[in-house]
Amino acid sequence: MKVKVSRKAHFNAAHRLYRKDWDDAKNNLVFGKCNNPNYHGHNYELVVSVTGEIDPETGFVIDMKILKDLIKSEIEDALDHKNLNVEVPEFKTLNPTAENIVIVIYNKLLPHIDSNKELEVVLYETPRNFVTYNG
């Protein structure tokens, strides 16, 4: 019997959506106000879920304290109060859209999750705009 457990977290970060190989007109057309050269910010909300069998000894799918600490060390410490374009190595050449951010988060967490468990990440850029990635 598989059970999905989830942990909520958040971080605040700035970014700019644009492509260096496009001119200003095309960047403005495609990305609009998200192309602000002075960047803009979001209060991102994050839901990290792990699905798997319940350990008969502990009763856990994953210890929530371990999941909490993992999200803090791998995600919050790396992204919170950062300019994603400038300060986060993964976005030096990757446009920091919500879609790309959720995949980066997933890839940072996955090596720390047992291979017999499934990982899912939901990232809210705004209360009404969110993306989901599960590999």
N, C-alpha and C. Protein backbone atom coordinates (compact mmCIF):
# COMPACT_ATOMS: atom_id res chain seq x y z
N MET A 1 0.85 -1.17 0.00
CA MET A 1 0.00 0.00 0.00
C MET A 1 0.90 1.24 0.00
N LYS A 2 0.71 2.09 -1.01
CA LYS A 2 1.51 3.31 -1.11
C LYS A 2 0.75 4.49 -0.50
N VAL A 3 1.53 5.36 0.14
CA VAL A 3 0.99 6.58 0.73
C VAL A 3 1.84 7.76 0.27
N LYS A 4 1.18 8.89 0.01
CA LYS A 4 1.90 10.12 -0.37
C LYS A 4 1.90 11.05 0.83
N VAL A 5 3.11 11.49 1.22
CA VAL A 5 3.25 12.47 2.29
C VAL A 5 3.83 13.75 1.68
N SER A 6 3.42 14.89 2.22
CA SER A 6 3.81 16.17 1.63
C SER A 6 4.26 17.15 2.69
N ARG A 7 5.17 18.02 2.28
CA ARG A 7 5.68 19.09 3.15
C ARG A 7 5.60 20.39 2.36
N LYS A 8 5.05 21.43 3.00
CA LYS A 8 4.99 22.75 2.40
C LYS A 8 6.19 23.57 2.84
N ALA A 9 6.65 24.45 1.96
CA ALA A 9 7.76 25.35 2.27
C ALA A 9 7.58 26.59 1.40
N HIS A 10 8.44 27.57 1.61
CA HIS A 10 8.37 28.76 0.77
C HIS A 10 9.74 29.42 0.67
N PHE A 11 9.88 30.23 -0.38
CA PHE A 11 11.07 31.05 -0.53
C PHE A 11 10.68 32.27 -1.35
N ASN A 12 11.44 33.33 -1.18
CA ASN A 12 11.23 34.56 -1.93
C ASN A 12 12.43 34.73 -2.86
N ALA A 13 12.14 35.07 -4.11
CA ALA A 13 13.24 35.23 -5.07
C ALA A 13 12.83 36.18 -6.19
N ALA A 14 13.85 36.80 -6.79
CA ALA A 14 13.65 37.67 -7.94
C ALA A 14 14.14 36.96 -9.18
N HIS A 15 13.57 37.36 -10.32
CA HIS A 15 14.04 36.82 -11.59
C HIS A 15 13.61 37.74 -12.72
N ARG A 16 14.16 37.46 -13.88
CA ARG A 16 13.78 38.15 -15.12
C ARG A 16 13.66 37.08 -16.19
N LEU A 17 12.55 37.09 -16.91
CA LEU A 17 12.37 36.17 -18.01
C LEU A 17 12.79 36.86 -19.29
N TYR A 18 13.80 36.34 -19.93
CA TYR A 18 14.27 36.87 -21.21
C TYR A 18 15.27 35.91 -21.82
N ARG A 19 15.51 36.12 -23.10
CA ARG A 19 16.54 35.37 -23.82
C ARG A 19 17.56 36.36 -24.34
N LYS A 20 18.83 36.09 -24.05
CA LYS A 20 19.91 36.97 -24.48
C LYS A 20 20.01 37.04 -26.00
N ASP A 21 19.60 35.97 -26.68
CA ASP A 21 19.72 35.93 -28.13
C ASP A 21 18.54 36.60 -28.85
N TRP A 22 17.57 37.14 -28.10
CA TRP A 22 16.46 37.87 -28.69
C TRP A 22 16.65 39.37 -28.46
N ASP A 23 16.12 40.19 -29.34
CA ASP A 23 16.17 41.64 -29.13
C ASP A 23 15.09 42.05 -28.12
N ASP A 24 15.16 43.32 -27.69
CA ASP A 24 14.23 43.81 -26.67
C ASP A 24 12.77 43.67 -27.11
N ALA A 25 12.50 43.94 -28.39
CA ALA A 25 11.12 43.88 -28.88
C ALA A 25 10.54 42.47 -28.73
N LYS A 26 11.33 41.46 -29.12
CA LYS A 26 10.82 40.09 -29.04
C LYS A 26 10.69 39.65 -27.58
N ASN A 27 11.68 40.00 -26.73
CA ASN A 27 11.58 39.67 -25.31
C ASN A 27 10.35 40.31 -24.69
N ASN A 28 10.08 41.57 -25.03
CA ASN A 28 8.89 42.25 -24.48
C ASN A 28 7.61 41.61 -25.00
N LEU A 29 7.60 41.22 -26.25
CA LEU A 29 6.42 40.59 -26.83
C LEU A 29 6.11 39.26 -26.14
N VAL A 30 7.14 38.45 -25.93
CA VAL A 30 6.93 37.11 -25.37
C VAL A 30 6.77 37.13 -23.85
N PHE A 31 7.60 37.91 -23.14
CA PHE A 31 7.64 37.84 -21.69
C PHE A 31 6.97 39.02 -20.98
N GLY A 32 6.63 40.08 -21.71
CA GLY A 32 5.92 41.21 -21.14
C GLY A 32 6.61 41.80 -19.94
N LYS A 33 5.83 42.12 -18.90
CA LYS A 33 6.42 42.76 -17.72
C LYS A 33 7.37 41.85 -16.94
N CYS A 34 7.31 40.55 -17.22
CA CYS A 34 8.26 39.63 -16.59
C CYS A 34 9.67 39.79 -17.15
N ASN A 35 9.80 40.60 -18.21
CA ASN A 35 11.10 40.88 -18.83
C ASN A 35 11.72 42.16 -18.26
N ASN A 36 11.21 42.66 -17.18
CA ASN A 36 11.74 43.89 -16.56
C ASN A 36 13.25 43.75 -16.35
N PRO A 37 14.07 44.64 -16.95
CA PRO A 37 15.53 44.54 -16.80
C PRO A 37 16.00 44.70 -15.36
N ASN A 38 15.15 45.26 -14.50
CA ASN A 38 15.48 45.41 -13.08
C ASN A 38 14.93 44.26 -12.24
N TYR A 39 14.40 43.23 -12.90
CA TYR A 39 13.90 42.02 -12.26
C TYR A 39 12.57 42.28 -11.55
N HIS A 40 11.95 41.22 -11.09
CA HIS A 40 10.73 41.28 -10.28
C HIS A 40 10.74 40.05 -9.40
N GLY A 41 9.93 40.07 -8.34
CA GLY A 41 10.00 38.99 -7.36
C GLY A 41 8.70 38.26 -7.15
N HIS A 42 8.82 37.10 -6.53
CA HIS A 42 7.67 36.27 -6.17
C HIS A 42 7.89 35.70 -4.77
N ASN A 43 6.79 35.46 -4.09
CA ASN A 43 6.79 34.69 -2.85
C ASN A 43 6.36 33.27 -3.24
N TYR A 44 7.34 32.47 -3.57
CA TYR A 44 7.06 31.11 -4.05
C TYR A 44 6.61 30.21 -2.91
N GLU A 45 5.61 29.41 -3.17
CA GLU A 45 5.16 28.36 -2.25
C GLU A 45 5.50 27.03 -2.90
N LEU A 46 5.88 26.08 -2.09
CA LEU A 46 6.40 24.82 -2.57
C LEU A 46 5.72 23.69 -1.81
N VAL A 47 5.33 22.63 -2.52
CA VAL A 47 4.83 21.42 -1.88
C VAL A 47 5.67 20.27 -2.42
N VAL A 48 6.39 19.61 -1.54
CA VAL A 48 7.22 18.46 -1.91
C VAL A 48 6.54 17.21 -1.36
N SER A 49 6.28 16.26 -2.26
CA SER A 49 5.60 15.03 -1.87
C SER A 49 6.47 13.82 -2.18
N VAL A 50 6.41 12.86 -1.27
CA VAL A 50 7.11 11.59 -1.44
C VAL A 50 6.07 10.49 -1.30
N THR A 51 6.04 9.59 -2.29
CA THR A 51 5.08 8.48 -2.28
C THR A 51 5.86 7.18 -2.18
N GLY A 52 5.36 6.30 -1.31
CA GLY A 52 6.01 5.00 -1.18
C GLY A 52 5.30 4.13 -0.17
N GLU A 53 5.90 2.98 0.05
CA GLU A 53 5.37 2.04 1.04
C GLU A 53 5.69 2.55 2.45
N ILE A 54 4.82 2.25 3.37
CA ILE A 54 5.04 2.62 4.77
C ILE A 54 6.05 1.64 5.38
N ASP A 55 7.08 2.18 6.00
CA ASP A 55 8.07 1.35 6.69
C ASP A 55 7.37 0.68 7.89
N PRO A 56 7.37 -0.67 7.95
CA PRO A 56 6.67 -1.34 9.06
C PRO A 56 7.28 -1.05 10.43
N GLU A 57 8.57 -0.71 10.48
CA GLU A 57 9.22 -0.41 11.76
C GLU A 57 8.86 0.97 12.28
N THR A 58 8.93 1.98 11.40
CA THR A 58 8.72 3.36 11.85
C THR A 58 7.30 3.85 11.63
N GLY A 59 6.60 3.27 10.66
CA GLY A 59 5.29 3.77 10.29
C GLY A 59 5.36 4.96 9.34
N PHE A 60 6.57 5.32 8.89
CA PHE A 60 6.78 6.46 7.99
C PHE A 60 6.97 6.01 6.55
N VAL A 61 6.56 6.86 5.62
CA VAL A 61 7.03 6.76 4.23
C VAL A 61 8.41 7.40 4.18
N ILE A 62 8.49 8.59 4.78
CA ILE A 62 9.75 9.30 4.98
C ILE A 62 9.58 10.11 6.26
N ASP A 63 10.61 10.20 7.05
CA ASP A 63 10.57 11.00 8.27
C ASP A 63 10.40 12.47 7.86
N MET A 64 9.33 13.12 8.32
CA MET A 64 9.05 14.51 7.94
C MET A 64 10.16 15.47 8.38
N LYS A 65 10.85 15.17 9.45
CA LYS A 65 11.96 16.01 9.88
C LYS A 65 13.09 15.94 8.85
N ILE A 66 13.35 14.76 8.33
CA ILE A 66 14.37 14.60 7.29
C ILE A 66 13.94 15.37 6.04
N LEU A 67 12.68 15.27 5.65
CA LEU A 67 12.18 15.99 4.48
C LEU A 67 12.27 17.50 4.69
N LYS A 68 11.89 17.95 5.87
CA LYS A 68 11.98 19.39 6.20
C LYS A 68 13.42 19.89 6.08
N ASP A 69 14.36 19.16 6.67
CA ASP A 69 15.77 19.56 6.64
C ASP A 69 16.33 19.52 5.22
N LEU A 70 15.90 18.55 4.43
CA LEU A 70 16.34 18.43 3.04
C LEU A 70 15.87 19.63 2.21
N ILE A 71 14.61 20.01 2.38
CA ILE A 71 14.08 21.17 1.66
C ILE A 71 14.82 22.43 2.08
N LYS A 72 15.12 22.56 3.37
CA LYS A 72 15.85 23.75 3.83
C LYS A 72 17.25 23.80 3.23
N SER A 73 18.00 22.70 3.33
CA SER A 73 19.40 22.71 2.89
C SER A 73 19.54 22.78 1.37
N GLU A 74 18.68 22.08 0.65
CA GLU A 74 18.83 21.99 -0.81
C GLU A 74 18.09 23.08 -1.58
N ILE A 75 16.98 23.58 -1.02
CA ILE A 75 16.14 24.51 -1.77
C ILE A 75 16.11 25.89 -1.13
N GLU A 76 15.65 25.98 0.10
CA GLU A 76 15.52 27.29 0.72
C GLU A 76 16.86 28.00 0.84
N ASP A 77 17.88 27.32 1.30
CA ASP A 77 19.20 27.96 1.43
C ASP A 77 19.75 28.39 0.06
N ALA A 78 19.43 27.63 -0.98
CA ALA A 78 19.96 27.92 -2.31
C ALA A 78 19.19 29.01 -3.05
N LEU A 79 17.88 29.15 -2.77
CA LEU A 79 17.04 30.04 -3.57
C LEU A 79 16.45 31.23 -2.82
N ASP A 80 16.30 31.13 -1.51
CA ASP A 80 15.59 32.18 -0.76
C ASP A 80 16.36 33.50 -0.78
N HIS A 81 15.63 34.57 -1.09
CA HIS A 81 16.18 35.93 -1.16
C HIS A 81 17.35 36.03 -2.13
N LYS A 82 17.21 35.33 -3.26
CA LYS A 82 18.24 35.35 -4.29
C LYS A 82 17.66 35.94 -5.57
N ASN A 83 18.55 36.49 -6.39
CA ASN A 83 18.21 36.83 -7.76
C ASN A 83 18.56 35.58 -8.56
N LEU A 84 17.55 34.88 -9.01
CA LEU A 84 17.78 33.58 -9.64
C LEU A 84 18.70 33.69 -10.85
N ASN A 85 18.52 34.72 -11.68
CA ASN A 85 19.34 34.88 -12.89
C ASN A 85 20.81 35.08 -12.56
N VAL A 86 21.09 35.79 -11.47
CA VAL A 86 22.44 36.24 -11.16
C VAL A 86 23.15 35.33 -10.15
N GLU A 87 22.43 34.85 -9.14
CA GLU A 87 23.06 34.18 -8.00
C GLU A 87 22.93 32.66 -7.98
N VAL A 88 22.11 32.08 -8.85
CA VAL A 88 21.88 30.64 -8.80
C VAL A 88 22.48 30.00 -10.05
N PRO A 89 23.51 29.18 -9.87
CA PRO A 89 24.25 28.64 -11.02
C PRO A 89 23.38 27.97 -12.09
N GLU A 90 22.34 27.26 -11.67
CA GLU A 90 21.50 26.55 -12.64
C GLU A 90 20.83 27.49 -13.64
N PHE A 91 20.67 28.77 -13.26
CA PHE A 91 19.96 29.70 -14.13
C PHE A 91 20.88 30.66 -14.87
N LYS A 92 22.17 30.38 -14.86
CA LYS A 92 23.11 31.21 -15.64
C LYS A 92 22.79 31.09 -17.13
N THR A 93 22.35 29.90 -17.55
CA THR A 93 22.03 29.68 -18.96
C THR A 93 20.61 29.15 -19.17
N LEU A 94 19.82 29.08 -18.10
CA LEU A 94 18.46 28.54 -18.15
C LEU A 94 17.48 29.63 -17.73
N ASN A 95 16.50 29.93 -18.57
CA ASN A 95 15.51 30.96 -18.26
C ASN A 95 14.71 30.52 -17.03
N PRO A 96 14.68 31.33 -15.95
CA PRO A 96 14.05 30.90 -14.70
C PRO A 96 12.52 31.02 -14.71
N THR A 97 11.90 30.32 -15.65
CA THR A 97 10.44 30.22 -15.66
C THR A 97 10.01 29.29 -14.52
N ALA A 98 8.75 29.32 -14.16
CA ALA A 98 8.26 28.41 -13.12
C ALA A 98 8.51 26.96 -13.53
N GLU A 99 8.34 26.68 -14.83
CA GLU A 99 8.56 25.32 -15.32
C GLU A 99 10.00 24.88 -15.11
N ASN A 100 10.95 25.76 -15.41
CA ASN A 100 12.36 25.40 -15.23
C ASN A 100 12.74 25.37 -13.75
N ILE A 101 12.18 26.26 -12.95
CA ILE A 101 12.49 26.27 -11.51
C ILE A 101 12.04 24.97 -10.86
N VAL A 102 10.84 24.49 -11.19
CA VAL A 102 10.34 23.26 -10.55
C VAL A 102 11.20 22.06 -10.92
N ILE A 103 11.72 22.03 -12.14
CA ILE A 103 12.60 20.92 -12.53
C ILE A 103 13.94 21.01 -11.80
N VAL A 104 14.48 22.21 -11.65
CA VAL A 104 15.72 22.38 -10.89
C VAL A 104 15.52 21.92 -9.44
N ILE A 105 14.41 22.31 -8.83
CA ILE A 105 14.13 21.89 -7.45
C ILE A 105 14.05 20.37 -7.36
N TYR A 106 13.31 19.76 -8.25
CA TYR A 106 13.17 18.31 -8.29
C TYR A 106 14.54 17.63 -8.40
N ASN A 107 15.36 18.12 -9.32
CA ASN A 107 16.68 17.52 -9.53
C ASN A 107 17.61 17.71 -8.35
N LYS A 108 17.44 18.77 -7.56
CA LYS A 108 18.25 18.97 -6.36
C LYS A 108 17.82 18.00 -5.25
N LEU A 109 16.53 17.68 -5.21
CA LEU A 109 16.01 16.81 -4.15
C LEU A 109 16.15 15.32 -4.46
N LEU A 110 15.98 14.96 -5.72
CA LEU A 110 15.90 13.55 -6.10
C LEU A 110 17.05 12.67 -5.60
N PRO A 111 18.31 13.12 -5.66
CA PRO A 111 19.39 12.24 -5.18
C PRO A 111 19.29 11.88 -3.70
N HIS A 112 18.49 12.62 -2.95
CA HIS A 112 18.36 12.40 -1.50
C HIS A 112 17.14 11.56 -1.14
N ILE A 113 16.37 11.14 -2.14
CA ILE A 113 15.15 10.37 -1.91
C ILE A 113 15.43 8.92 -2.32
N ASP A 114 15.04 7.98 -1.47
CA ASP A 114 15.24 6.56 -1.77
C ASP A 114 14.67 6.22 -3.14
N SER A 115 15.39 5.41 -3.89
CA SER A 115 15.01 5.09 -5.27
C SER A 115 13.69 4.32 -5.36
N ASN A 116 13.26 3.72 -4.27
CA ASN A 116 11.99 2.99 -4.29
C ASN A 116 10.80 3.91 -3.95
N LYS A 117 11.06 5.21 -3.85
CA LYS A 117 10.01 6.19 -3.56
C LYS A 117 9.85 7.12 -4.76
N GLU A 118 8.67 7.73 -4.88
CA GLU A 118 8.39 8.67 -5.96
C GLU A 118 8.39 10.08 -5.39
N LEU A 119 8.97 11.02 -6.14
CA LEU A 119 9.05 12.42 -5.74
C LEU A 119 8.16 13.25 -6.65
N GLU A 120 7.45 14.21 -6.06
CA GLU A 120 6.65 15.17 -6.82
C GLU A 120 6.85 16.54 -6.20
N VAL A 121 7.01 17.56 -7.05
CA VAL A 121 7.18 18.93 -6.58
C VAL A 121 6.12 19.81 -7.24
N VAL A 122 5.41 20.58 -6.41
CA VAL A 122 4.46 21.58 -6.91
C VAL A 122 5.01 22.94 -6.50
N LEU A 123 5.13 23.85 -7.45
CA LEU A 123 5.65 25.18 -7.19
C LEU A 123 4.59 26.21 -7.56
N TYR A 124 4.20 27.01 -6.57
CA TYR A 124 3.27 28.11 -6.78
C TYR A 124 4.06 29.38 -6.96
N GLU A 125 3.94 29.99 -8.15
CA GLU A 125 4.57 31.29 -8.39
C GLU A 125 3.67 32.40 -7.85
N THR A 126 2.37 32.21 -7.97
CA THR A 126 1.35 33.06 -7.36
C THR A 126 0.30 32.11 -6.81
N PRO A 127 -0.64 32.60 -6.01
CA PRO A 127 -1.67 31.68 -5.50
C PRO A 127 -2.47 30.98 -6.60
N ARG A 128 -2.52 31.58 -7.80
CA ARG A 128 -3.30 30.98 -8.88
C ARG A 128 -2.48 30.37 -10.00
N ASN A 129 -1.17 30.60 -10.01
CA ASN A 129 -0.30 30.05 -11.05
C ASN A 129 0.68 29.07 -10.42
N PHE A 130 0.59 27.81 -10.82
CA PHE A 130 1.50 26.80 -10.27
C PHE A 130 1.81 25.74 -11.30
N VAL A 131 2.93 25.07 -11.07
CA VAL A 131 3.40 24.00 -11.95
C VAL A 131 3.71 22.77 -11.09
N THR A 132 3.61 21.60 -11.72
CA THR A 132 3.86 20.33 -11.03
C THR A 132 4.85 19.52 -11.86
N TYR A 133 5.81 18.90 -11.17
CA TYR A 133 6.76 18.03 -11.86
C TYR A 133 7.02 16.79 -11.02
N ASN A 134 6.98 15.62 -11.68
CA ASN A 134 7.26 14.37 -10.98
C ASN A 134 8.18 13.46 -11.79
N GLY A 135 9.03 14.08 -12.60
CA GLY A 135 10.03 13.33 -13.35
C GLY A 135 9.45 12.73 -14.61
